[in-house]
Amino acid sequence: MRTNLSRLKLRMTKKRPRDPVTLVIYGWHESQPGTLFWVFPSVADALRAVRAMRNAVRWLILKGGRAFDVEVDVDVDALRRAGGVLLEH
């Protein structure tokens, strides 16, 4: 009995690995800071972040943690064609 409880406890404490995602915000209401992006550990975390930024009106969430060159504008159409878009608004 003790080993069964130990196994159950071990399964309950293990966290499933999460796949990182990249949040890209490219449309804003009122202020226009340009295209911004961040890497988050999960889709849920990225959605919480975009909800917190109330002036973000056009955004997408990409599969994987991507790094973009800060000085070059992100080509949203090319990201769509690449097929890594999980969510878009």
PDB file of N, CA and C in Angstrom:
ATOM      1  N   MET A   1       0.819  -1.192   0.000  1.00  0.00           N
ATOM      2  CA  MET A   1       0.000   0.000   0.000  1.00  0.00           C
ATOM      3  C   MET A   1       0.862   1.255   0.000  1.00  0.00           C
ATOM      4  N   ARG A   2       1.930   1.229   0.767  1.00  0.00           N
ATOM      5  CA  ARG A   2       2.784   2.391   0.876  1.00  0.00           C
ATOM      6  C   ARG A   2       3.403   2.758  -0.473  1.00  0.00           C
ATOM      7  N   THR A   3       3.809   1.795  -1.275  1.00  0.00           N
ATOM      8  CA  THR A   3       4.415   2.087  -2.569  1.00  0.00           C
ATOM      9  C   THR A   3       3.402   2.702  -3.529  1.00  0.00           C
ATOM     10  N   ASN A   4       2.141   2.270  -3.452  1.00  0.00           N
ATOM     11  CA  ASN A   4       1.116   2.863  -4.297  1.00  0.00           C
ATOM     12  C   ASN A   4       0.912   4.338  -3.962  1.00  0.00           C
ATOM     13  N   LEU A   5       0.904   4.653  -2.676  1.00  0.00           N
ATOM     14  CA  LEU A   5       0.758   6.058  -2.267  1.00  0.00           C
ATOM     15  C   LEU A   5       1.971   6.883  -2.690  1.00  0.00           C
ATOM     16  N   SER A   6       3.133   6.283  -2.601  1.00  0.00           N
ATOM     17  CA  SER A   6       4.348   6.996  -3.014  1.00  0.00           C
ATOM     18  C   SER A   6       4.320   7.294  -4.505  1.00  0.00           C
ATOM     19  N   ARG A   7       3.879   6.327  -5.293  1.00  0.00           N
ATOM     20  CA  ARG A   7       3.794   6.545  -6.734  1.00  0.00           C
ATOM     21  C   ARG A   7       2.775   7.614  -7.070  1.00  0.00           C
ATOM     22  N   LEU A   8       1.629   7.573  -6.399  1.00  0.00           N
ATOM     23  CA  LEU A   8       0.588   8.572  -6.641  1.00  0.00           C
ATOM     24  C   LEU A   8       1.092   9.968  -6.280  1.00  0.00           C
ATOM     25  N   LYS A   9       1.771  10.072  -5.158  1.00  0.00           N
ATOM     26  CA  LYS A   9       2.309  11.370  -4.741  1.00  0.00           C
ATOM     27  C   LYS A   9       3.333  11.874  -5.748  1.00  0.00           C
ATOM     28  N   LEU A  10       4.178  10.978  -6.254  1.00  0.00           N
ATOM     29  CA  LEU A  10       5.182  11.363  -7.230  1.00  0.00           C
ATOM     30  C   LEU A  10       4.533  11.859  -8.520  1.00  0.00           C
ATOM     31  N   ARG A  11       3.477  11.171  -8.974  1.00  0.00           N
ATOM     32  CA  ARG A  11       2.782  11.613 -10.188  1.00  0.00           C
ATOM     33  C   ARG A  11       2.089  12.945  -9.996  1.00  0.00           C
ATOM     34  N   MET A  12       1.572  13.194  -8.802  1.00  0.00           N
ATOM     35  CA  MET A  12       0.857  14.449  -8.553  1.00  0.00           C
ATOM     36  C   MET A  12       1.813  15.631  -8.483  1.00  0.00           C
ATOM     37  N   THR A  13       3.033  15.416  -8.015  1.00  0.00           N
ATOM     38  CA  THR A  13       3.971  16.523  -7.873  1.00  0.00           C
ATOM     39  C   THR A  13       4.746  16.811  -9.159  1.00  0.00           C
ATOM     40  N   LYS A  14       4.802  15.837 -10.063  1.00  0.00           N
ATOM     41  CA  LYS A  14       5.509  16.060 -11.326  1.00  0.00           C
ATOM     42  C   LYS A  14       4.718  17.029 -12.185  1.00  0.00           C
ATOM     43  N   LYS A  15       5.399  18.005 -12.736  1.00  0.00           N
ATOM     44  CA  LYS A  15       4.755  18.921 -13.656  1.00  0.00           C
ATOM     45  C   LYS A  15       5.104  18.511 -15.069  1.00  0.00           C
ATOM     46  N   ARG A  16       4.108  18.555 -15.916  1.00  0.00           N
ATOM     47  CA  ARG A  16       4.353  18.240 -17.313  1.00  0.00           C
ATOM     48  C   ARG A  16       5.175  19.354 -17.935  1.00  0.00           C
ATOM     49  N   PRO A  17       6.140  18.990 -18.760  1.00  0.00           N
ATOM     50  CA  PRO A  17       6.908  20.040 -19.421  1.00  0.00           C
ATOM     51  C   PRO A  17       6.023  20.824 -20.377  1.00  0.00           C
ATOM     52  N   ARG A  18       6.205  22.134 -20.376  1.00  0.00           N
ATOM     53  CA  ARG A  18       5.406  22.985 -21.248  1.00  0.00           C
ATOM     54  C   ARG A  18       6.270  23.473 -22.395  1.00  0.00           C
ATOM     55  N   ASP A  19       5.653  23.589 -23.542  1.00  0.00           N
ATOM     56  CA  ASP A  19       6.360  24.083 -24.710  1.00  0.00           C
ATOM     57  C   ASP A  19       6.313  25.600 -24.715  1.00  0.00           C
ATOM     58  N   PRO A  20       7.442  26.256 -24.892  1.00  0.00           N
ATOM     59  CA  PRO A  20       7.431  27.722 -24.914  1.00  0.00           C
ATOM     60  C   PRO A  20       6.720  28.252 -26.154  1.00  0.00           C
ATOM     61  N   VAL A  21       6.173  29.440 -26.023  1.00  0.00           N
ATOM     62  CA  VAL A  21       5.501  30.123 -27.130  1.00  0.00           C
ATOM     63  C   VAL A  21       6.008  31.560 -27.172  1.00  0.00           C
ATOM     64  N   THR A  22       5.828  32.190 -28.324  1.00  0.00           N
ATOM     65  CA  THR A  22       6.232  33.584 -28.490  1.00  0.00           C
ATOM     66  C   THR A  22       4.996  34.426 -28.767  1.00  0.00           C
ATOM     67  N   LEU A  23       4.809  35.465 -27.979  1.00  0.00           N
ATOM     68  CA  LEU A  23       3.723  36.413 -28.176  1.00  0.00           C
ATOM     69  C   LEU A  23       4.262  37.590 -28.979  1.00  0.00           C
ATOM     70  N   VAL A  24       3.629  37.878 -30.122  1.00  0.00           N
ATOM     71  CA  VAL A  24       4.027  39.001 -30.972  1.00  0.00           C
ATOM     72  C   VAL A  24       2.846  39.960 -31.027  1.00  0.00           C
ATOM     73  N   ILE A  25       3.053  41.194 -30.586  1.00  0.00           N
ATOM     74  CA  ILE A  25       2.009  42.218 -30.652  1.00  0.00           C
ATOM     75  C   ILE A  25       2.431  43.222 -31.711  1.00  0.00           C
ATOM     76  N   TYR A  26       1.576  43.390 -32.720  1.00  0.00           N
ATOM     77  CA  TYR A  26       1.928  44.265 -33.837  1.00  0.00           C
ATOM     78  C   TYR A  26       0.889  45.339 -34.112  1.00  0.00           C
ATOM     79  N   GLY A  27      -0.187  45.394 -33.351  1.00  0.00           N
ATOM     80  CA  GLY A  27      -1.198  46.435 -33.518  1.00  0.00           C
ATOM     81  C   GLY A  27      -1.626  46.962 -32.167  1.00  0.00           C
ATOM     82  N   TRP A  28      -1.698  48.260 -32.062  1.00  0.00           N
ATOM     83  CA  TRP A  28      -1.976  48.901 -30.784  1.00  0.00           C
ATOM     84  C   TRP A  28      -3.100  49.916 -30.925  1.00  0.00           C
ATOM     85  N   HIS A  29      -3.827  50.132 -29.852  1.00  0.00           N
ATOM     86  CA  HIS A  29      -4.850  51.173 -29.765  1.00  0.00           C
ATOM     87  C   HIS A  29      -4.197  52.379 -29.091  1.00  0.00           C
ATOM     88  N   GLU A  30      -4.321  53.533 -29.700  1.00  0.00           N
ATOM     89  CA  GLU A  30      -3.755  54.802 -29.218  1.00  0.00           C
ATOM     90  C   GLU A  30      -2.234  54.829 -29.356  1.00  0.00           C
ATOM     91  N   SER A  31      -1.475  54.412 -28.347  1.00  0.00           N
ATOM     92  CA  SER A  31      -0.012  54.484 -28.453  1.00  0.00           C
ATOM     93  C   SER A  31       0.489  53.432 -29.432  1.00  0.00           C
ATOM     94  N   GLN A  32       1.561  53.727 -30.161  1.00  0.00           N
ATOM     95  CA  GLN A  32       2.106  52.815 -31.176  1.00  0.00           C
ATOM     96  C   GLN A  32       3.590  52.548 -30.903  1.00  0.00           C
ATOM     97  N   PRO A  33       3.913  51.654 -29.956  1.00  0.00           N
ATOM     98  CA  PRO A  33       5.319  51.379 -29.673  1.00  0.00           C
ATOM     99  C   PRO A  33       6.004  50.506 -30.719  1.00  0.00           C
ATOM    100  N   GLY A  34       5.272  50.069 -31.735  1.00  0.00           N
ATOM    101  CA  GLY A  34       5.852  49.196 -32.759  1.00  0.00           C
ATOM    102  C   GLY A  34       5.582  47.736 -32.430  1.00  0.00           C
ATOM    103  N   THR A  35       6.234  46.847 -33.155  1.00  0.00           N
ATOM    104  CA  THR A  35       6.056  45.412 -32.933  1.00  0.00           C
ATOM    105  C   THR A  35       6.914  44.981 -31.753  1.00  0.00           C
ATOM    106  N   LEU A  36       6.273  44.331 -30.796  1.00  0.00           N
ATOM    107  CA  LEU A  36       6.973  43.838 -29.609  1.00  0.00           C
ATOM    108  C   LEU A  36       6.732  42.340 -29.491  1.00  0.00           C
ATOM    109  N   PHE A  37       7.661  41.631 -28.858  1.00  0.00           N
ATOM    110  CA  PHE A  37       7.532  40.178 -28.704  1.00  0.00           C
ATOM    111  C   PHE A  37       8.172  39.723 -27.408  1.00  0.00           C
ATOM    112  N   TRP A  38       7.615  38.651 -26.861  1.00  0.00           N
ATOM    113  CA  TRP A  38       8.117  38.041 -25.640  1.00  0.00           C
ATOM    114  C   TRP A  38       7.950  36.538 -25.746  1.00  0.00           C
ATOM    115  N   VAL A  39       8.821  35.785 -25.074  1.00  0.00           N
ATOM    116  CA  VAL A  39       8.717  34.334 -25.004  1.00  0.00           C
ATOM    117  C   VAL A  39       8.108  33.980 -23.641  1.00  0.00           C
ATOM    118  N   PHE A  40       7.098  33.090 -23.664  1.00  0.00           N
ATOM    119  CA  PHE A  40       6.429  32.639 -22.446  1.00  0.00           C
ATOM    120  C   PHE A  40       6.498  31.118 -22.370  1.00  0.00           C
ATOM    121  N   PRO A  41       6.408  30.569 -21.163  1.00  0.00           N
ATOM    122  CA  PRO A  41       6.499  29.118 -21.020  1.00  0.00           C
ATOM    123  C   PRO A  41       5.274  28.356 -21.529  1.00  0.00           C
ATOM    124  N   SER A  42       4.126  29.044 -21.679  1.00  0.00           N
ATOM    125  CA  SER A  42       2.924  28.344 -22.139  1.00  0.00           C
ATOM    126  C   SER A  42       1.977  29.324 -22.827  1.00  0.00           C
ATOM    127  N   VAL A  43       0.993  28.779 -23.516  1.00  0.00           N
ATOM    128  CA  VAL A  43      -0.022  29.594 -24.177  1.00  0.00           C
ATOM    129  C   VAL A  43      -0.839  30.352 -23.131  1.00  0.00           C
ATOM    130  N   ALA A  44      -1.162  29.688 -22.027  1.00  0.00           N
ATOM    131  CA  ALA A  44      -1.948  30.335 -20.970  1.00  0.00           C
ATOM    132  C   ALA A  44      -1.228  31.559 -20.418  1.00  0.00           C
ATOM    133  N   ASP A  45       0.081  31.466 -20.228  1.00  0.00           N
ATOM    134  CA  ASP A  45       0.852  32.608 -19.736  1.00  0.00           C
ATOM    135  C   ASP A  45       0.861  33.749 -20.748  1.00  0.00           C
ATOM    136  N   ALA A  46       0.985  33.412 -22.019  1.00  0.00           N
ATOM    137  CA  ALA A  46       0.967  34.435 -23.065  1.00  0.00           C
ATOM    138  C   ALA A  46      -0.390  35.118 -23.143  1.00  0.00           C
ATOM    139  N   LEU A  47      -1.462  34.352 -23.001  1.00  0.00           N
ATOM    140  CA  LEU A  47      -2.799  34.942 -23.019  1.00  0.00           C
ATOM    141  C   LEU A  47      -3.032  35.864 -21.829  1.00  0.00           C
ATOM    142  N   ARG A  48      -2.534  35.484 -20.676  1.00  0.00           N
ATOM    143  CA  ARG A  48      -2.642  36.372 -19.499  1.00  0.00           C
ATOM    144  C   ARG A  48      -1.912  37.684 -19.752  1.00  0.00           C
ATOM    145  N   ALA A  49      -0.750  37.599 -20.382  1.00  0.00           N
ATOM    146  CA  ALA A  49       0.031  38.808 -20.654  1.00  0.00           C
ATOM    147  C   ALA A  49      -0.668  39.721 -21.646  1.00  0.00           C
ATOM    148  N   VAL A  50      -1.237  39.152 -22.711  1.00  0.00           N
ATOM    149  CA  VAL A  50      -1.879  39.989 -23.718  1.00  0.00           C
ATOM    150  C   VAL A  50      -3.164  40.607 -23.162  1.00  0.00           C
ATOM    151  N   ARG A  51      -3.841  39.921 -22.266  1.00  0.00           N
ATOM    152  CA  ARG A  51      -5.024  40.514 -21.626  1.00  0.00           C
ATOM    153  C   ARG A  51      -4.642  41.678 -20.720  1.00  0.00           C
ATOM    154  N   ALA A  52      -3.463  41.590 -20.118  1.00  0.00           N
ATOM    155  CA  ALA A  52      -3.007  42.672 -19.239  1.00  0.00           C
ATOM    156  C   ALA A  52      -2.663  43.933 -20.022  1.00  0.00           C
ATOM    157  N   MET A  53      -2.268  43.772 -21.284  1.00  0.00           N
ATOM    158  CA  MET A  53      -1.949  44.925 -22.138  1.00  0.00           C
ATOM    159  C   MET A  53      -3.210  45.326 -22.886  1.00  0.00           C
ATOM    160  N   ARG A  54      -3.984  46.164 -22.317  1.00  0.00           N
ATOM    161  CA  ARG A  54      -5.306  46.491 -22.854  1.00  0.00           C
ATOM    162  C   ARG A  54      -5.266  47.250 -24.164  1.00  0.00           C
ATOM    163  N   ASN A  55      -4.157  47.892 -24.477  1.00  0.00           N
ATOM    164  CA  ASN A  55      -4.099  48.636 -25.738  1.00  0.00           C
ATOM    165  C   ASN A  55      -3.563  47.782 -26.891  1.00  0.00           C
ATOM    166  N   ALA A  56      -3.277  46.498 -26.648  1.00  0.00           N
ATOM    167  CA  ALA A  56      -2.856  45.588 -27.721  1.00  0.00           C
ATOM    168  C   ALA A  56      -4.100  45.086 -28.451  1.00  0.00           C
ATOM    169  N   VAL A  57      -4.198  45.387 -29.748  1.00  0.00           N
ATOM    170  CA  VAL A  57      -5.395  44.993 -30.502  1.00  0.00           C
ATOM    171  C   VAL A  57      -5.098  43.954 -31.583  1.00  0.00           C
ATOM    172  N   ARG A  58      -3.871  43.846 -32.045  1.00  0.00           N
ATOM    173  CA  ARG A  58      -3.506  42.847 -33.059  1.00  0.00           C
ATOM    174  C   ARG A  58      -2.291  42.088 -32.546  1.00  0.00           C
ATOM    175  N   TRP A  59      -2.461  40.786 -32.374  1.00  0.00           N
ATOM    176  CA  TRP A  59      -1.388  39.967 -31.825  1.00  0.00           C
ATOM    177  C   TRP A  59      -1.516  38.538 -32.324  1.00  0.00           C
ATOM    178  N   LEU A  60      -0.442  37.793 -32.171  1.00  0.00           N
ATOM    179  CA  LEU A  60      -0.460  36.369 -32.462  1.00  0.00           C
ATOM    180  C   LEU A  60       0.494  35.642 -31.533  1.00  0.00           C
ATOM    181  N   ILE A  61       0.204  34.364 -31.342  1.00  0.00           N
ATOM    182  CA  ILE A  61       1.041  33.503 -30.504  1.00  0.00           C
ATOM    183  C   ILE A  61       1.632  32.429 -31.407  1.00  0.00           C
ATOM    184  N   LEU A  62       2.954  32.341 -31.372  1.00  0.00           N
ATOM    185  CA  LEU A  62       3.692  31.397 -32.215  1.00  0.00           C
ATOM    186  C   LEU A  62       4.183  30.211 -31.405  1.00  0.00           C
ATOM    187  N   LYS A  63       4.252  29.080 -32.041  1.00  0.00           N
ATOM    188  CA  LYS A  63       4.805  27.884 -31.423  1.00  0.00           C
ATOM    189  C   LYS A  63       6.310  28.060 -31.265  1.00  0.00           C
ATOM    190  N   GLY A  64       6.837  27.753 -30.085  1.00  0.00           N
ATOM    191  CA  GLY A  64       8.271  27.813 -29.832  1.00  0.00           C
ATOM    192  C   GLY A  64       8.745  29.179 -29.372  1.00  0.00           C
ATOM    193  N   GLY A  65       9.885  29.189 -28.758  1.00  0.00           N
ATOM    194  CA  GLY A  65      10.486  30.435 -28.309  1.00  0.00           C
ATOM    195  C   GLY A  65      11.369  30.996 -29.401  1.00  0.00           C
ATOM    196  N   ARG A  66      10.918  32.025 -30.063  1.00  0.00           N
ATOM    197  CA  ARG A  66      11.668  32.596 -31.188  1.00  0.00           C
ATOM    198  C   ARG A  66      12.307  33.910 -30.790  1.00  0.00           C
ATOM    199  N   ALA A  67      13.453  34.154 -31.360  1.00  0.00           N
ATOM    200  CA  ALA A  67      14.134  35.430 -31.148  1.00  0.00           C
ATOM    201  C   ALA A  67      14.096  36.207 -32.460  1.00  0.00           C
ATOM    202  N   PHE A  68      13.708  37.452 -32.376  1.00  0.00           N
ATOM    203  CA  PHE A  68      13.665  38.319 -33.535  1.00  0.00           C
ATOM    204  C   PHE A  68      14.686  39.423 -33.354  1.00  0.00           C
ATOM    205  N   ASP A  69      15.195  39.930 -34.453  1.00  0.00           N
ATOM    206  CA  ASP A  69      16.098  41.064 -34.403  1.00  0.00           C
ATOM    207  C   ASP A  69      15.284  42.295 -34.035  1.00  0.00           C
ATOM    208  N   VAL A  70      15.680  42.975 -32.986  1.00  0.00           N
ATOM    209  CA  VAL A  70      14.915  44.112 -32.465  1.00  0.00           C
ATOM    210  C   VAL A  70      14.839  45.248 -33.479  1.00  0.00           C
ATOM    211  N   GLU A  71      15.850  45.420 -34.274  1.00  0.00           N
ATOM    212  CA  GLU A  71      15.886  46.557 -35.183  1.00  0.00           C
ATOM    213  C   GLU A  71      15.158  46.312 -36.493  1.00  0.00           C
ATOM    214  N   VAL A  72      14.759  45.082 -36.755  1.00  0.00           N
ATOM    215  CA  VAL A  72      14.064  44.754 -37.995  1.00  0.00           C
ATOM    216  C   VAL A  72      12.598  44.488 -37.669  1.00  0.00           C
ATOM    217  N   ASP A  73      11.685  45.051 -38.467  1.00  0.00           N
ATOM    218  CA  ASP A  73      10.266  44.799 -38.257  1.00  0.00           C
ATOM    219  C   ASP A  73       9.952  43.326 -38.504  1.00  0.00           C
ATOM    220  N   VAL A  74       9.075  42.787 -37.693  1.00  0.00           N
ATOM    221  CA  VAL A  74       8.662  41.397 -37.833  1.00  0.00           C
ATOM    222  C   VAL A  74       7.642  41.310 -38.962  1.00  0.00           C
ATOM    223  N   ASP A  75       7.858  40.389 -39.897  1.00  0.00           N
ATOM    224  CA  ASP A  75       6.953  40.197 -41.028  1.00  0.00           C
ATOM    225  C   ASP A  75       5.867  39.207 -40.611  1.00  0.00           C
ATOM    226  N   VAL A  76       4.702  39.730 -40.258  1.00  0.00           N
ATOM    227  CA  VAL A  76       3.606  38.913 -39.758  1.00  0.00           C
ATOM    228  C   VAL A  76       3.098  37.958 -40.829  1.00  0.00           C
ATOM    229  N   ASP A  77       3.029  38.407 -42.075  1.00  0.00           N
ATOM    230  CA  ASP A  77       2.578  37.527 -43.156  1.00  0.00           C
ATOM    231  C   ASP A  77       3.514  36.334 -43.338  1.00  0.00           C
ATOM    232  N   ALA A  78       4.812  36.558 -43.216  1.00  0.00           N
ATOM    233  CA  ALA A  78       5.780  35.459 -43.333  1.00  0.00           C
ATOM    234  C   ALA A  78       5.618  34.470 -42.175  1.00  0.00           C
ATOM    235  N   LEU A  79       5.301  34.966 -40.986  1.00  0.00           N
ATOM    236  CA  LEU A  79       5.066  34.079 -39.849  1.00  0.00           C
ATOM    237  C   LEU A  79       3.836  33.209 -40.084  1.00  0.00           C
ATOM    238  N   ARG A  80       2.797  33.796 -40.653  1.00  0.00           N
ATOM    239  CA  ARG A  80       1.590  33.018 -40.978  1.00  0.00           C
ATOM    240  C   ARG A  80       1.903  31.930 -42.015  1.00  0.00           C
ATOM    241  N   ARG A  81       2.661  32.299 -43.034  1.00  0.00           N
ATOM    242  CA  ARG A  81       3.011  31.327 -44.084  1.00  0.00           C
ATOM    243  C   ARG A  81       3.878  30.190 -43.543  1.00  0.00           C
ATOM    244  N   ALA A  82       4.702  30.484 -42.559  1.00  0.00           N
ATOM    245  CA  ALA A  82       5.577  29.460 -41.974  1.00  0.00           C
ATOM    246  C   ALA A  82       4.784  28.409 -41.205  1.00  0.00           C
ATOM    247  N   GLY A  83       3.572  28.745 -40.794  1.00  0.00           N
ATOM    248  CA  GLY A  83       2.692  27.757 -40.167  1.00  0.00           C
ATOM    249  C   GLY A  83       2.854  27.551 -38.682  1.00  0.00           C
ATOM    250  N   GLY A  84       3.536  28.421 -37.973  1.00  0.00           N
ATOM    251  CA  GLY A  84       3.720  28.252 -36.546  1.00  0.00           C
ATOM    252  C   GLY A  84       2.759  29.028 -35.687  1.00  0.00           C
ATOM    253  N   VAL A  85       1.728  29.637 -36.289  1.00  0.00           N
ATOM    254  CA  VAL A  85       0.798  30.465 -35.525  1.00  0.00           C
ATOM    255  C   VAL A  85      -0.215  29.577 -34.814  1.00  0.00           C
ATOM    256  N   LEU A  86      -0.271  29.699 -33.485  1.00  0.00           N
ATOM    257  CA  LEU A  86      -1.233  28.937 -32.695  1.00  0.00           C
ATOM    258  C   LEU A  86      -2.543  29.710 -32.511  1.00  0.00           C
ATOM    259  N   LEU A  87      -2.443  30.993 -32.187  1.00  0.00           N
ATOM    260  CA  LEU A  87      -3.606  31.863 -31.978  1.00  0.00           C
ATOM    261  C   LEU A  87      -3.334  33.212 -32.600  1.00  0.00           C
ATOM    262  N   GLU A  88      -4.411  33.855 -33.053  1.00  0.00           N
ATOM    263  CA  GLU A  88      -4.258  35.195 -33.621  1.00  0.00           C
ATOM    264  C   GLU A  88      -5.516  35.998 -33.333  1.00  0.00           C
ATOM    265  N   HIS A  89      -5.313  37.278 -33.076  1.00  0.00           N
ATOM    266  CA  HIS A  89      -6.435  38.194 -32.853  1.00  0.00           C
ATOM    267  C   HIS A  89      -6.145  39.474 -33.594  1.00  0.00           C
TER     268      HIS A  89
END
